[in-house]
């Protein structure tokens, strides 16, 4: 089994802010999925779900970040 590659380079990856335009979400999602795959964090691997969630939080701004905190990471 491949070990996850956790070195994150600080690149200019666009962050998603919750735009109402579907194309903005689609482009951000495709970029994010490719980035995770390049870091060997893709596929169905429950043992790294928490890492993926934390990485996603870093890629969100404003309304999208608040939504992720409320509905994914801090569920009552």
N, C-alpha and C. Protein backbone atom coordinates (compact mmCIF):
# COMPACT_ATOMS: atom_id res chain seq x y z
N UNK A 1 0.84 -1.17 0.00
CA UNK A 1 0.00 0.00 0.00
C UNK A 1 0.89 1.24 0.00
N UNK A 2 0.57 2.22 -0.85
CA UNK A 2 1.32 3.47 -0.89
C UNK A 2 1.08 4.27 0.38
N UNK A 3 2.15 4.84 0.90
CA UNK A 3 2.00 5.72 2.05
C UNK A 3 1.63 7.11 1.54
N UNK A 4 0.77 7.81 2.27
CA UNK A 4 0.41 9.16 1.84
C UNK A 4 1.64 10.07 1.81
N UNK A 5 1.64 10.97 0.89
CA UNK A 5 2.71 11.94 0.75
C UNK A 5 2.19 13.26 1.31
N UNK A 6 2.65 13.65 2.50
CA UNK A 6 2.07 14.78 3.22
C UNK A 6 2.75 16.11 2.98
N UNK A 7 3.84 16.14 2.23
CA UNK A 7 4.51 17.41 2.00
C UNK A 7 3.60 18.30 1.15
N UNK A 8 3.18 19.40 1.72
CA UNK A 8 2.30 20.32 1.00
C UNK A 8 3.09 21.52 0.53
N UNK A 9 3.08 21.74 -0.74
CA UNK A 9 3.74 22.92 -1.26
C UNK A 9 2.75 24.06 -1.27
N UNK A 10 3.20 25.20 -0.85
CA UNK A 10 2.34 26.38 -0.84
C UNK A 10 2.32 26.95 -2.25
N UNK A 11 1.36 26.52 -3.01
CA UNK A 11 1.26 27.02 -4.37
C UNK A 11 0.09 28.00 -4.46
N UNK A 12 -0.22 28.39 -5.64
CA UNK A 12 -1.28 29.36 -5.86
C UNK A 12 -2.61 28.67 -6.14
N UNK A 13 -2.87 27.57 -5.48
CA UNK A 13 -4.14 26.87 -5.69
C UNK A 13 -5.28 27.78 -5.28
N UNK A 14 -6.24 27.92 -6.16
CA UNK A 14 -7.38 28.79 -5.90
C UNK A 14 -8.20 28.23 -4.74
N UNK A 15 -8.65 29.12 -3.91
CA UNK A 15 -9.51 28.72 -2.79
C UNK A 15 -10.95 29.00 -3.16
N UNK A 16 -11.85 28.17 -2.67
CA UNK A 16 -13.28 28.31 -2.99
C UNK A 16 -13.96 29.08 -1.87
N UNK A 17 -14.75 30.09 -2.24
CA UNK A 17 -15.38 30.94 -1.24
C UNK A 17 -16.89 30.74 -1.14
N UNK A 18 -17.43 29.84 -1.93
CA UNK A 18 -18.87 29.61 -1.88
C UNK A 18 -19.60 30.31 -3.01
N UNK A 19 -18.94 30.53 -4.10
CA UNK A 19 -19.53 31.20 -5.26
C UNK A 19 -20.80 30.50 -5.70
N UNK A 20 -21.77 31.28 -6.14
CA UNK A 20 -23.03 30.69 -6.61
C UNK A 20 -22.92 30.16 -8.04
N UNK A 21 -21.79 30.40 -8.70
CA UNK A 21 -21.59 29.91 -10.06
C UNK A 21 -21.11 28.46 -10.02
N UNK A 22 -21.84 27.58 -10.68
CA UNK A 22 -21.50 26.16 -10.68
C UNK A 22 -20.13 25.92 -11.31
N UNK A 23 -19.76 26.70 -12.31
CA UNK A 23 -18.46 26.51 -12.96
C UNK A 23 -17.32 26.76 -11.99
N UNK A 24 -17.48 27.72 -11.07
CA UNK A 24 -16.44 27.98 -10.06
C UNK A 24 -16.25 26.77 -9.16
N UNK A 25 -17.35 26.17 -8.73
CA UNK A 25 -17.28 24.99 -7.88
C UNK A 25 -16.66 23.82 -8.64
N UNK A 26 -17.09 23.61 -9.89
CA UNK A 26 -16.56 22.50 -10.67
C UNK A 26 -15.05 22.62 -10.89
N UNK A 27 -14.58 23.82 -11.21
CA UNK A 27 -13.15 24.03 -11.44
C UNK A 27 -12.35 23.83 -10.16
N UNK A 28 -12.85 24.37 -9.04
CA UNK A 28 -12.17 24.20 -7.76
C UNK A 28 -12.13 22.72 -7.37
N UNK A 29 -13.25 22.03 -7.54
CA UNK A 29 -13.33 20.63 -7.17
C UNK A 29 -12.37 19.77 -8.00
N UNK A 30 -12.33 20.01 -9.30
CA UNK A 30 -11.42 19.24 -10.16
C UNK A 30 -9.97 19.48 -9.76
N UNK A 31 -9.62 20.72 -9.49
CA UNK A 31 -8.27 21.06 -9.06
C UNK A 31 -7.93 20.39 -7.74
N UNK A 32 -8.87 20.43 -6.80
CA UNK A 32 -8.65 19.85 -5.47
C UNK A 32 -8.50 18.34 -5.54
N UNK A 33 -9.33 17.68 -6.31
CA UNK A 33 -9.24 16.22 -6.45
C UNK A 33 -7.90 15.83 -7.07
N UNK A 34 -7.48 16.57 -8.10
CA UNK A 34 -6.18 16.27 -8.72
C UNK A 34 -5.03 16.49 -7.74
N UNK A 35 -5.12 17.55 -6.95
CA UNK A 35 -4.07 17.84 -5.95
C UNK A 35 -3.98 16.70 -4.92
N UNK A 36 -5.13 16.24 -4.44
CA UNK A 36 -5.14 15.14 -3.48
C UNK A 36 -4.57 13.86 -4.10
N UNK A 37 -4.91 13.60 -5.35
CA UNK A 37 -4.39 12.41 -6.02
C UNK A 37 -2.87 12.49 -6.17
N UNK A 38 -2.35 13.67 -6.51
CA UNK A 38 -0.91 13.84 -6.64
C UNK A 38 -0.19 13.65 -5.32
N UNK A 39 -0.86 13.94 -4.23
CA UNK A 39 -0.28 13.76 -2.90
C UNK A 39 -0.57 12.37 -2.34
N UNK A 40 -1.11 11.51 -3.19
CA UNK A 40 -1.46 10.13 -2.81
C UNK A 40 -2.49 10.10 -1.68
N UNK A 41 -3.41 11.05 -1.72
CA UNK A 41 -4.47 11.10 -0.72
C UNK A 41 -5.83 10.82 -1.36
N UNK A 42 -5.84 10.24 -2.52
CA UNK A 42 -7.08 9.92 -3.22
C UNK A 42 -7.59 8.54 -2.84
N UNK A 43 -8.45 8.03 -3.64
CA UNK A 43 -9.06 6.71 -3.45
C UNK A 43 -9.84 6.63 -2.15
N UNK A 44 -10.53 5.53 -1.98
CA UNK A 44 -11.31 5.31 -0.77
C UNK A 44 -10.39 4.75 0.31
N UNK A 45 -9.94 5.65 1.18
CA UNK A 45 -9.01 5.26 2.24
C UNK A 45 -9.45 5.91 3.54
N UNK A 46 -10.30 5.25 4.28
CA UNK A 46 -10.84 5.84 5.52
C UNK A 46 -9.77 6.26 6.52
N UNK A 47 -8.60 5.63 6.49
CA UNK A 47 -7.57 5.95 7.46
C UNK A 47 -7.00 7.37 7.27
N UNK A 48 -7.26 7.99 6.12
CA UNK A 48 -6.76 9.34 5.91
C UNK A 48 -7.88 10.36 5.70
N UNK A 49 -9.11 9.99 6.03
CA UNK A 49 -10.23 10.92 5.88
C UNK A 49 -10.02 12.21 6.65
N UNK A 50 -9.51 12.12 7.86
CA UNK A 50 -9.30 13.32 8.68
C UNK A 50 -8.28 14.26 8.03
N UNK A 51 -7.25 13.70 7.44
CA UNK A 51 -6.25 14.51 6.74
C UNK A 51 -6.88 15.24 5.58
N UNK A 52 -7.71 14.53 4.82
CA UNK A 52 -8.37 15.16 3.67
C UNK A 52 -9.29 16.28 4.11
N UNK A 53 -10.01 16.09 5.20
CA UNK A 53 -10.91 17.14 5.70
C UNK A 53 -10.10 18.37 6.10
N UNK A 54 -8.99 18.18 6.78
CA UNK A 54 -8.15 19.31 7.17
C UNK A 54 -7.57 20.04 5.96
N UNK A 55 -7.18 19.28 4.94
CA UNK A 55 -6.67 19.91 3.73
C UNK A 55 -7.76 20.70 3.01
N UNK A 56 -8.97 20.17 3.00
CA UNK A 56 -10.07 20.88 2.38
C UNK A 56 -10.36 22.19 3.10
N UNK A 57 -10.31 22.18 4.41
CA UNK A 57 -10.55 23.42 5.17
C UNK A 57 -9.56 24.51 4.77
N UNK A 58 -8.32 24.13 4.46
CA UNK A 58 -7.31 25.10 4.04
C UNK A 58 -7.63 25.71 2.68
N UNK A 59 -8.47 25.04 1.90
CA UNK A 59 -8.77 25.50 0.55
C UNK A 59 -10.11 26.22 0.44
N UNK A 60 -10.71 26.54 1.58
CA UNK A 60 -12.01 27.21 1.58
C UNK A 60 -11.91 28.58 2.22
N UNK A 61 -12.75 29.48 1.75
CA UNK A 61 -12.82 30.84 2.28
C UNK A 61 -14.26 31.19 2.65
N UNK A 62 -14.42 32.15 3.51
CA UNK A 62 -15.69 32.79 3.87
C UNK A 62 -16.83 31.79 4.07
N UNK A 63 -17.89 31.93 3.29
CA UNK A 63 -19.10 31.13 3.49
C UNK A 63 -18.84 29.63 3.35
N UNK A 64 -17.99 29.26 2.42
CA UNK A 64 -17.69 27.84 2.22
C UNK A 64 -16.95 27.27 3.44
N UNK A 65 -16.04 28.03 4.00
CA UNK A 65 -15.29 27.61 5.19
C UNK A 65 -16.23 27.46 6.38
N UNK A 66 -17.11 28.43 6.57
CA UNK A 66 -18.08 28.36 7.67
C UNK A 66 -18.99 27.15 7.52
N UNK A 67 -19.45 26.89 6.30
CA UNK A 67 -20.33 25.75 6.06
C UNK A 67 -19.62 24.45 6.41
N UNK A 68 -18.37 24.31 5.96
CA UNK A 68 -17.60 23.09 6.23
C UNK A 68 -17.41 22.89 7.73
N UNK A 69 -17.11 23.95 8.46
CA UNK A 69 -16.95 23.85 9.90
C UNK A 69 -18.24 23.38 10.57
N UNK A 70 -19.36 23.98 10.18
CA UNK A 70 -20.65 23.66 10.81
C UNK A 70 -21.17 22.27 10.46
N UNK A 71 -21.03 21.89 9.20
CA UNK A 71 -21.70 20.68 8.72
C UNK A 71 -20.81 19.45 8.56
N UNK A 72 -19.50 19.64 8.67
CA UNK A 72 -18.61 18.50 8.49
C UNK A 72 -17.72 18.28 9.71
N UNK A 73 -17.05 19.32 10.19
CA UNK A 73 -16.08 19.11 11.26
C UNK A 73 -16.64 19.28 12.66
N UNK A 74 -17.66 20.10 12.83
CA UNK A 74 -18.19 20.37 14.17
C UNK A 74 -19.67 20.00 14.27
N UNK A 75 -19.99 18.82 13.86
CA UNK A 75 -21.37 18.35 13.90
C UNK A 75 -21.76 18.02 15.34
N UNK A 76 -22.91 18.50 15.75
CA UNK A 76 -23.41 18.20 17.10
C UNK A 76 -24.02 16.80 17.13
